[in-house]
C-alpha atoms as a PDB file:
ATOM      1  CA  MET A   1     148.007-155.728 -71.316  1.00  0.00           C
ATOM      2  CA  ASN A   2     147.248-151.799 -70.588  1.00  0.00           C
ATOM      3  CA  TYR A   3     149.545-151.647 -67.718  1.00  0.00           C
ATOM      4  CA  ILE A   4     151.794-153.254 -64.961  1.00  0.00           C
ATOM      5  CA  ASN A   5     151.397-152.865 -61.263  1.00  0.00           C
ATOM      6  CA  LYS A   6     153.201-155.291 -59.489  1.00  0.00           C
ATOM      7  CA  VAL A   7     155.149-155.290 -56.055  1.00  0.00           C
ATOM      8  CA  MET A   8     157.225-158.300 -55.115  1.00  0.00           C
ATOM      9  CA  LEU A   9     158.549-157.916 -50.894  1.00  0.00           C
ATOM     10  CA  VAL A  10     160.421-160.143 -48.696  1.00  0.00           C
ATOM     11  CA  GLY A  11     160.718-158.804 -44.938  1.00  0.00           C
ATOM     12  CA  ARG A  12     159.531-158.815 -41.374  1.00  0.00           C
ATOM     13  CA  CYS A  13     156.054-157.938 -40.037  1.00  0.00           C
ATOM     14  CA  GLY A  14     156.584-154.790 -37.849  1.00  0.00           C
ATOM     15  CA  GLN A  15     153.513-155.488 -35.665  1.00  0.00           C
ATOM     16  CA  GLU A  16     150.756-157.795 -34.545  1.00  0.00           C
ATOM     17  CA  PRO A  17     147.876-158.264 -37.751  1.00  0.00           C
ATOM     18  CA  ASP A  18     144.897-155.764 -37.338  1.00  0.00           C
ATOM     19  CA  LEU A  19     142.017-157.651 -38.634  1.00  0.00           C
ATOM     20  CA  LYS A  20     138.729-156.261 -39.391  1.00  0.00           C
ATOM     21  CA  TYR A  21     135.439-158.022 -40.019  1.00  0.00           C
ATOM     22  CA  PHE A  22     132.728-156.108 -41.941  1.00  0.00           C
ATOM     23  CA  GLU A  23     128.953-157.176 -41.711  1.00  0.00           C
ATOM     24  CA  SER A  24     129.159-158.240 -45.622  1.00  0.00           C
ATOM     25  CA  GLY A  25     131.370-161.036 -44.120  1.00  0.00           C
ATOM     26  CA  ALA A  26     134.272-159.494 -45.534  1.00  0.00           C
ATOM     27  CA  VAL A  27     137.614-159.789 -43.609  1.00  0.00           C
ATOM     28  CA  LYS A  28     140.529-157.266 -43.807  1.00  0.00           C
ATOM     29  CA  ALA A  29     144.421-157.477 -42.732  1.00  0.00           C
ATOM     30  CA  SER A  30     146.257-155.030 -41.969  1.00  0.00           C
ATOM     31  CA  ILE A  31     150.226-155.236 -41.493  1.00  0.00           C
ATOM     32  CA  SER A  32     153.472-153.353 -42.202  1.00  0.00           C
ATOM     33  CA  ILE A  33     156.980-155.096 -43.132  1.00  0.00           C
ATOM     34  CA  ALA A  34     160.611-153.966 -42.783  1.00  0.00           C
ATOM     35  CA  VAL A  35     162.547-154.447 -45.708  1.00  0.00           C
ATOM     36  CA  ARG A  36     166.061-154.124 -44.891  1.00  0.00           C
ATOM     37  CA  PRO A  37     168.527-153.411 -47.926  1.00  0.00           C
ATOM     38  CA  PRO A  38     171.499-155.390 -48.405  1.00  0.00           C
ATOM     39  CA  TYR A  39     174.108-153.379 -46.549  1.00  0.00           C
ATOM     40  CA  ARG A  40     173.050-153.631 -42.801  1.00  0.00           C
ATOM     41  CA  SER A  41     174.079-149.922 -42.210  1.00  0.00           C
ATOM     42  CA  GLU A  42     171.123-148.705 -44.434  1.00  0.00           C
ATOM     43  CA  GLN A  43     167.817-147.684 -42.794  1.00  0.00           C
ATOM     44  CA  ALA A  44     165.014-150.576 -43.094  1.00  0.00           C
ATOM     45  CA  LEU A  45     162.283-149.366 -45.468  1.00  0.00           C
ATOM     46  CA  TRP A  46     158.811-149.839 -43.885  1.00  0.00           C
ATOM     47  CA  PHE A  47     155.626-150.628 -46.249  1.00  0.00           C
ATOM     48  CA  ASP A  48     151.752-150.875 -45.418  1.00  0.00           C
ATOM     49  CA  LEU A  49     150.120-153.802 -46.814  1.00  0.00           C
ATOM     50  CA  VAL A  50     146.261-155.190 -46.731  1.00  0.00           C
ATOM     51  CA  ALA A  51     145.052-158.269 -47.442  1.00  0.00           C
ATOM     52  CA  TRP A  52     141.322-159.199 -48.028  1.00  0.00           C
ATOM     53  CA  GLY A  53     139.477-162.642 -47.648  1.00  0.00           C
ATOM     54  CA  ASN A  54     141.240-166.216 -47.347  1.00  0.00           C
ATOM     55  CA  GLN A  55     144.900-164.341 -47.338  1.00  0.00           C
ATOM     56  CA  ALA A  56     143.561-162.301 -44.214  1.00  0.00           C
ATOM     57  CA  GLU A  57     142.575-165.161 -42.664  1.00  0.00           C
ATOM     58  CA  VAL A  58     146.077-166.870 -43.191  1.00  0.00           C
ATOM     59  CA  ILE A  59     147.903-163.547 -41.799  1.00  0.00           C
ATOM     60  CA  GLY A  60     145.434-163.407 -38.856  1.00  0.00           C
ATOM     61  CA  ASN A  61     146.034-167.018 -37.803  1.00  0.00           C
ATOM     62  CA  TYR A  62     149.662-167.553 -38.681  1.00  0.00           C
ATOM     63  CA  VAL A  63     151.734-164.172 -38.875  1.00  0.00           C
ATOM     64  CA  ARG A  64     153.199-162.389 -35.943  1.00  0.00           C
ATOM     65  CA  LYS A  65     155.383-159.722 -35.216  1.00  0.00           C
ATOM     66  CA  GLY A  66     158.881-160.714 -36.383  1.00  0.00           C
ATOM     67  CA  THR A  67     157.287-163.196 -39.190  1.00  0.00           C
ATOM     68  CA  GLN A  68     159.396-163.299 -42.376  1.00  0.00           C
ATOM     69  CA  ILE A  69     157.218-162.944 -45.260  1.00  0.00           C
ATOM     70  CA  ALA A  70     156.955-162.735 -48.975  1.00  0.00           C
ATOM     71  CA  ILE A  71     154.241-160.915 -50.774  1.00  0.00           C
ATOM     72  CA  THR A  72     153.225-160.192 -54.400  1.00  0.00           C
ATOM     73  CA  GLY A  73     150.807-157.100 -54.704  1.00  0.00           C
ATOM     74  CA  GLU A  74     149.465-154.172 -56.134  1.00  0.00           C
ATOM     75  CA  PHE A  75     150.692-150.392 -55.443  1.00  0.00           C
ATOM     76  CA  GLY A  76     148.182-148.220 -54.400  1.00  0.00           C
ATOM     77  CA  PHE A  77     146.881-145.455 -52.026  1.00  0.00           C
ATOM     78  CA  ASP A  78     144.398-145.647 -49.134  1.00  0.00           C
ATOM     79  CA  ARG A  79     142.528-141.907 -49.070  1.00  0.00           C
ATOM     80  CA  TRP A  80     140.680-140.397 -46.389  1.00  0.00           C
ATOM     81  CA  ALA A  81     139.328-137.033 -45.004  1.00  0.00           C
ATOM     82  CA  ASP A  82     141.072-135.405 -42.091  1.00  0.00           C
ATOM     83  CA  LYS A  83     138.566-135.337 -39.525  1.00  0.00           C
ATOM     84  CA  ASN A  84     139.568-132.135 -38.137  1.00  0.00           C
ATOM     85  CA  SER A  85     140.553-129.999 -41.396  1.00  0.00           C
ATOM     86  CA  GLY A  86     138.264-131.841 -43.946  1.00  0.00           C
ATOM     87  CA  THR A  87     141.970-131.734 -46.165  1.00  0.00           C
ATOM     88  CA  MET A  88     142.165-134.997 -48.162  1.00  0.00           C
ATOM     89  CA  ARG A  89     144.868-137.156 -47.063  1.00  0.00           C
ATOM     90  CA  GLN A  90     146.876-140.474 -48.636  1.00  0.00           C
ATOM     91  CA  LYS A  91     149.398-142.929 -47.738  1.00  0.00           C
ATOM     92  CA  PRO A  92     150.642-145.499 -49.983  1.00  0.00           C
ATOM     93  CA  VAL A  93     149.461-149.211 -49.556  1.00  0.00           C
ATOM     94  CA  ILE A  94     150.205-152.166 -50.965  1.00  0.00           C
ATOM     95  CA  THR A  95     147.282-154.682 -51.836  1.00  0.00           C
ATOM     96  CA  ILE A  96     148.597-158.273 -51.245  1.00  0.00           C
ATOM     97  CA  ASN A  97     147.819-160.762 -53.907  1.00  0.00           C
ATOM     98  CA  ALA A  98     149.788-163.617 -52.801  1.00  0.00           C
ATOM     99  CA  ILE A  99     151.575-164.339 -49.560  1.00  0.00           C
ATOM    100  CA  GLU A 100     154.496-166.834 -48.614  1.00  0.00           C
ATOM    101  CA  LEU A 101     155.231-167.381 -44.658  1.00  0.00           C
ATOM    102  CA  LEU A 102     159.002-167.665 -44.815  1.00  0.00           C
ATOM    103  CA  GLY A 103     159.292-168.271 -41.075  1.00  0.00           C
ATOM    104  CA  SER A 104     158.093-167.631 -37.517  1.00  0.00           C
ATOM    105  CA  PRO A 105     159.188-164.601 -35.392  1.00  0.00           C
ATOM    106  CA  ARG A 106     162.986-164.127 -34.733  1.00  0.00           C
ATOM    107  CA  LYS A 107     162.547-164.613 -30.883  1.00  0.00           C
ATOM    108  CA  GLU A 108     161.930-168.193 -29.901  1.00  0.00           C
ATOM    109  CA  GLU A 109     158.242-169.461 -29.590  1.00  0.00           C
ATOM    110  CA  SER A 110     156.488-172.235 -28.198  1.00  0.00           C
ATOM    111  CA  THR A 111     156.148-175.145 -31.075  1.00  0.00           C
ATOM    112  CA  SER A 112     152.476-173.986 -31.056  1.00  0.00           C
ATOM    113  CA  THR A 113     152.659-171.055 -33.077  1.00  0.00           C
ATOM    114  CA  SER A 114     155.421-172.242 -35.305  1.00  0.00           C
ATOM    115  CA  VAL A 115     154.613-172.504 -39.198  1.00  0.00           C
ATOM    116  CA  THR A 116     153.937-176.212 -40.103  1.00  0.00           C
ATOM    117  CA  ASN A 117     154.369-177.483 -43.649  1.00  0.00           C
ATOM    118  CA  GLU A 118     150.370-177.873 -44.130  1.00  0.00           C
ATOM    119  CA  THR A 119     150.056-174.263 -43.112  1.00  0.00           C
ATOM    120  CA  GLN A 120     153.097-173.214 -45.566  1.00  0.00           C
ATOM    121  CA  ALA A 121     151.000-174.789 -48.470  1.00  0.00           C
ATOM    122  CA  VAL A 122     147.747-172.766 -47.621  1.00  0.00           C
ATOM    123  CA  ALA A 123     149.696-169.461 -47.106  1.00  0.00           C
ATOM    124  CA  ASN A 124     151.528-170.080 -50.548  1.00  0.00           C
ATOM    125  CA  ALA A 125     148.026-170.515 -52.480  1.00  0.00           C
ATOM    126  CA  ASN A 126     146.700-167.673 -54.446  1.00  0.00           C
ATOM    127  CA  PHE A 127     143.146-167.196 -53.545  1.00  0.00           C
END
């Protein structure tokens, strides 16, 4: 093994997932999560996450703003050219390798959007 690039986070989703479908048939989900340090007085840390394929579908179907999730993934960067200046930009992003749904959003929801045991098993699978 030449290197290790593994990130493990537990936090709450900060927005509704953004799903993109490509002509190739690929699907990508983008979300951000807030991870609160053990001392509530500290500021939450925010992380941008992306998932592809089956995991993106699980996120699109079952993750909502406020849903608590656990992920393992790899740290990397999104890179793009600024439209106005042409300058190369980058931001840190974590590509999800595995996701576990830990609970539904904090606010009360109808039972139709709650996570079932079957859904939990699907979300825990490594695709």
